[in-house]
């Protein structure tokens, strides 16, 4: 079964048309997004903090596995408790069955124990496309100066089941390196997971 899952993941990694290509080492594109409580979040308002962007869709088994095991919540909590900002970006189109209306999303946050700073409702795909978010999850780490220092997979384990916590977690490595004043050891990897369900 595992070879089939890996093949499926590889097929889902095919580049999507209409997506921007953000560059590691360059300023992260600014954006304003509205969260599921109606509050606006502007990336540039978080200058001076580490910011993590997470492309999210709980209906994707790769994304869901990180939550069902508690691995994603633990990583979110560890980052936020140390002053980082973690923004979930849900770019699922409103017409897609996987879209969560704000009231449903708020229930999902509670049910899953999500520890992110905010869940941004990006059903227009504006943020996702600007960053070239391809899969769920697709992760981005931005340093306190506003520079993108990591993008790609959350870890080196492209599996939709089992415990991901023993894997090499690239996002954790990036966060810990930034907090210790060290260079990020690996700046870019190939994201895995399900394709982001954009409107077009």
Protein backbone atom coordinates (compact mmCIF):
# COMPACT_ATOMS: atom_id res chain seq x y z
CA UNK A 1 0.00 0.00 0.00
CA UNK A 2 2.80 2.41 0.81
CA UNK A 3 4.26 2.45 -2.75
CA UNK A 4 0.79 3.31 -4.06
CA UNK A 5 0.46 6.18 -1.58
CA UNK A 6 3.86 7.52 -2.58
CA UNK A 7 2.92 7.30 -6.26
CA UNK A 8 -0.30 9.18 -5.56
CA UNK A 9 1.61 11.85 -3.67
CA UNK A 10 4.05 12.23 -6.55
CA UNK A 11 1.21 12.66 -9.04
CA UNK A 12 -0.34 15.33 -6.85
CA UNK A 13 2.89 17.31 -6.93
CA UNK A 14 2.53 18.28 -10.58
CA UNK A 15 2.80 22.08 -10.96
CA UNK A 16 -0.52 23.91 -11.02
CA UNK A 17 -1.13 26.57 -13.65
CA UNK A 18 -1.70 30.18 -12.61
CA UNK A 19 0.44 30.02 -9.48
CA UNK A 20 3.14 32.52 -8.63
CA UNK A 21 6.62 31.33 -7.74
CA UNK A 22 7.89 32.88 -4.52
CA UNK A 23 11.65 32.85 -4.05
CA UNK A 24 13.45 31.78 -0.91
CA UNK A 25 15.84 34.53 0.16
CA UNK A 26 13.53 37.27 -1.15
CA UNK A 27 10.96 39.38 0.73
CA UNK A 28 7.77 37.42 1.29
CA UNK A 29 4.86 38.94 -0.68
CA UNK A 30 2.67 41.05 1.54
CA UNK A 31 -1.02 40.23 1.82
CA UNK A 32 -4.10 40.95 3.86
CA UNK A 33 -6.41 38.08 4.75
CA UNK A 34 -9.55 37.81 6.84
CA UNK A 35 -9.75 35.13 9.49
CA UNK A 36 -12.76 33.03 10.44
CA UNK A 37 -13.67 35.56 13.16
CA UNK A 38 -13.76 38.45 10.68
CA UNK A 39 -10.42 39.96 11.73
CA UNK A 40 -7.98 41.21 9.09
CA UNK A 41 -4.36 40.04 9.19
CA UNK A 42 -1.68 41.88 7.19
CA UNK A 43 1.62 40.07 6.85
CA UNK A 44 3.66 43.25 7.19
CA UNK A 45 2.04 43.91 10.57
CA UNK A 46 3.97 40.90 11.86
CA UNK A 47 7.39 42.26 10.92
CA UNK A 48 9.79 41.42 13.72
CA UNK A 49 8.24 37.98 14.25
CA UNK A 50 8.72 34.59 12.65
CA UNK A 51 5.66 33.82 10.52
CA UNK A 52 4.60 30.35 9.38
CA UNK A 53 2.04 29.87 6.61
CA UNK A 54 0.30 26.52 6.34
CA UNK A 55 -1.82 25.56 3.32
CA UNK A 56 -4.70 23.66 4.90
CA UNK A 57 -7.53 21.29 3.99
CA UNK A 58 -8.58 18.79 6.63
CA UNK A 59 -10.32 16.65 4.00
CA UNK A 60 -6.90 15.86 2.53
CA UNK A 61 -5.62 12.67 4.21
CA UNK A 62 -2.03 13.94 4.25
CA UNK A 63 -3.06 17.13 6.04
CA UNK A 64 -5.55 15.34 8.29
CA UNK A 65 -2.96 12.81 9.44
CA UNK A 66 -0.80 15.57 10.92
CA UNK A 67 -3.81 16.73 12.93
CA UNK A 68 -5.27 13.34 13.88
CA UNK A 69 -1.91 12.37 15.40
CA UNK A 70 -1.59 15.71 17.20
CA UNK A 71 1.72 16.43 15.47
CA UNK A 72 0.61 19.67 13.79
CA UNK A 73 -1.02 21.09 16.91
CA UNK A 74 2.11 20.35 18.95
CA UNK A 75 4.28 22.14 16.40
CA UNK A 76 1.89 25.09 16.24
CA UNK A 77 1.81 25.38 20.01
CA UNK A 78 5.59 25.19 20.33
CA UNK A 79 6.05 27.94 17.74
CA UNK A 80 3.31 30.29 18.95
CA UNK A 81 4.32 29.92 22.61
CA UNK A 82 7.77 31.22 21.64
CA UNK A 83 6.41 34.30 19.87
CA UNK A 84 5.97 33.07 16.31
CA UNK A 85 2.83 33.74 14.26
CA UNK A 86 1.20 30.72 12.61
CA UNK A 87 -1.38 31.41 9.92
CA UNK A 88 -3.49 28.63 8.45
CA UNK A 89 -4.41 29.51 4.85
CA UNK A 90 -7.46 27.68 3.53
CA UNK A 91 -7.64 28.42 -0.20
CA UNK A 92 -10.39 25.88 -0.92
CA UNK A 93 -12.99 27.39 -3.28
CA UNK A 94 -16.36 28.18 -1.76
CA UNK A 95 -18.10 25.85 -4.24
CA UNK A 96 -15.93 22.89 -3.26
CA UNK A 97 -17.36 20.36 -0.74
CA UNK A 98 -14.17 20.77 1.33
CA UNK A 99 -14.74 24.50 1.89
CA UNK A 100 -15.47 25.46 5.48
CA UNK A 101 -17.77 28.38 6.17
CA UNK A 102 -16.44 30.48 9.06
CA UNK A 103 -18.85 29.03 11.61
CA UNK A 104 -17.94 25.47 10.56
CA UNK A 105 -14.24 26.35 10.55
CA UNK A 106 -14.52 27.67 14.10
CA UNK A 107 -16.02 24.35 15.18
CA UNK A 108 -13.18 22.51 13.43
CA UNK A 109 -10.60 24.59 15.29
CA UNK A 110 -12.17 23.57 18.59
CA UNK A 111 -12.72 19.94 17.61
CA UNK A 112 -9.16 19.45 16.35
CA UNK A 113 -7.51 21.55 19.05
CA UNK A 114 -5.80 23.73 16.44
CA UNK A 115 -3.18 26.00 18.03
CA UNK A 116 -2.50 28.36 15.12
CA UNK A 117 -2.62 32.12 15.58
CA UNK A 118 -5.39 32.42 12.99
CA UNK A 119 -7.20 30.55 10.22
CA UNK A 120 -7.45 32.73 7.10
CA UNK A 121 -10.42 32.16 4.82
CA UNK A 122 -8.77 32.43 1.40
CA UNK A 123 -11.57 30.94 -0.71
CA UNK A 124 -10.74 33.40 -3.50
CA UNK A 125 -7.29 31.83 -3.67
CA UNK A 126 -5.57 35.22 -3.59
CA UNK A 127 -3.01 34.33 -0.93
CA UNK A 128 -2.53 30.75 -2.02
CA UNK A 129 -1.89 31.67 -5.64
CA UNK A 130 0.39 34.55 -4.69
CA UNK A 131 2.58 32.13 -2.77
CA UNK A 132 2.24 29.28 -5.22
CA UNK A 133 0.67 26.98 -2.65
CA UNK A 134 0.40 23.64 -4.40
CA UNK A 135 -0.56 21.07 -1.79
CA UNK A 136 -2.07 20.60 1.62
CA UNK A 137 0.09 20.96 3.52
CA UNK A 138 2.53 23.33 1.78
CA UNK A 139 4.59 25.23 4.33
CA UNK A 140 6.32 28.63 4.33
CA UNK A 141 8.56 30.16 7.00
CA UNK A 142 9.26 33.90 7.01
CA UNK A 143 11.97 35.42 9.17
CA UNK A 144 11.52 38.52 11.39
CA UNK A 145 12.89 40.72 8.58
CA UNK A 146 10.08 39.59 6.28
CA UNK A 147 12.24 37.33 4.12
CA UNK A 148 11.06 33.89 3.03
CA UNK A 149 13.60 31.40 4.40
CA UNK A 150 11.82 28.10 3.83
CA UNK A 151 9.14 26.68 1.59
CA UNK A 152 8.05 23.15 0.80
CA UNK A 153 7.05 19.99 2.63
CA UNK A 154 6.46 19.92 6.35
CA UNK A 155 8.76 16.90 6.69
CA UNK A 156 10.53 14.10 4.85
CA UNK A 157 7.69 11.60 5.33
CA UNK A 158 5.13 11.84 2.48
CA UNK A 159 2.65 9.45 4.09
CA UNK A 160 -1.07 9.83 4.78
CA UNK A 161 -1.11 7.58 7.84
CA UNK A 162 1.05 6.74 10.82
CA UNK A 163 2.88 8.97 13.26
CA UNK A 164 4.79 11.79 11.53
CA UNK A 165 6.55 12.98 14.68
CA UNK A 166 9.73 10.86 14.27
CA UNK A 167 10.25 12.32 10.77
CA UNK A 168 12.69 15.10 9.96
CA UNK A 169 10.45 18.15 10.29
CA UNK A 170 11.76 20.90 8.03
CA UNK A 171 9.49 23.57 9.52
CA UNK A 172 10.63 22.84 13.05
CA UNK A 173 14.25 22.96 11.90
CA UNK A 174 13.71 26.33 10.24
CA UNK A 175 11.98 27.82 13.29
CA UNK A 176 14.60 26.53 15.72
CA UNK A 177 17.43 27.77 13.50
CA UNK A 178 15.93 31.26 13.29
CA UNK A 179 15.39 31.42 17.04
CA UNK A 180 18.98 30.35 17.64
CA UNK A 181 20.34 32.88 15.14
CA UNK A 182 21.59 30.17 12.78
CA UNK A 183 21.04 29.80 9.02
CA UNK A 184 18.13 27.59 8.02
CA UNK A 185 19.74 24.23 7.12
CA UNK A 186 17.42 23.41 4.21
CA UNK A 187 15.64 26.26 2.47
CA UNK A 188 13.44 24.48 -0.05
CA UNK A 189 11.90 21.06 -0.59
CA UNK A 190 9.16 19.58 -2.77
CA UNK A 191 5.78 19.82 -1.03
CA UNK A 192 3.59 16.73 -0.85
CA UNK A 193 -0.10 16.16 -0.25
CA UNK A 194 -3.36 16.84 -2.08
CA UNK A 195 -3.63 19.64 -4.61
CA UNK A 196 -5.11 22.91 -3.33
CA UNK A 197 -8.75 23.13 -4.48
CA UNK A 198 -8.71 26.57 -6.08
CA UNK A 199 -11.77 28.10 -7.70
CA UNK A 200 -10.11 28.00 -11.13
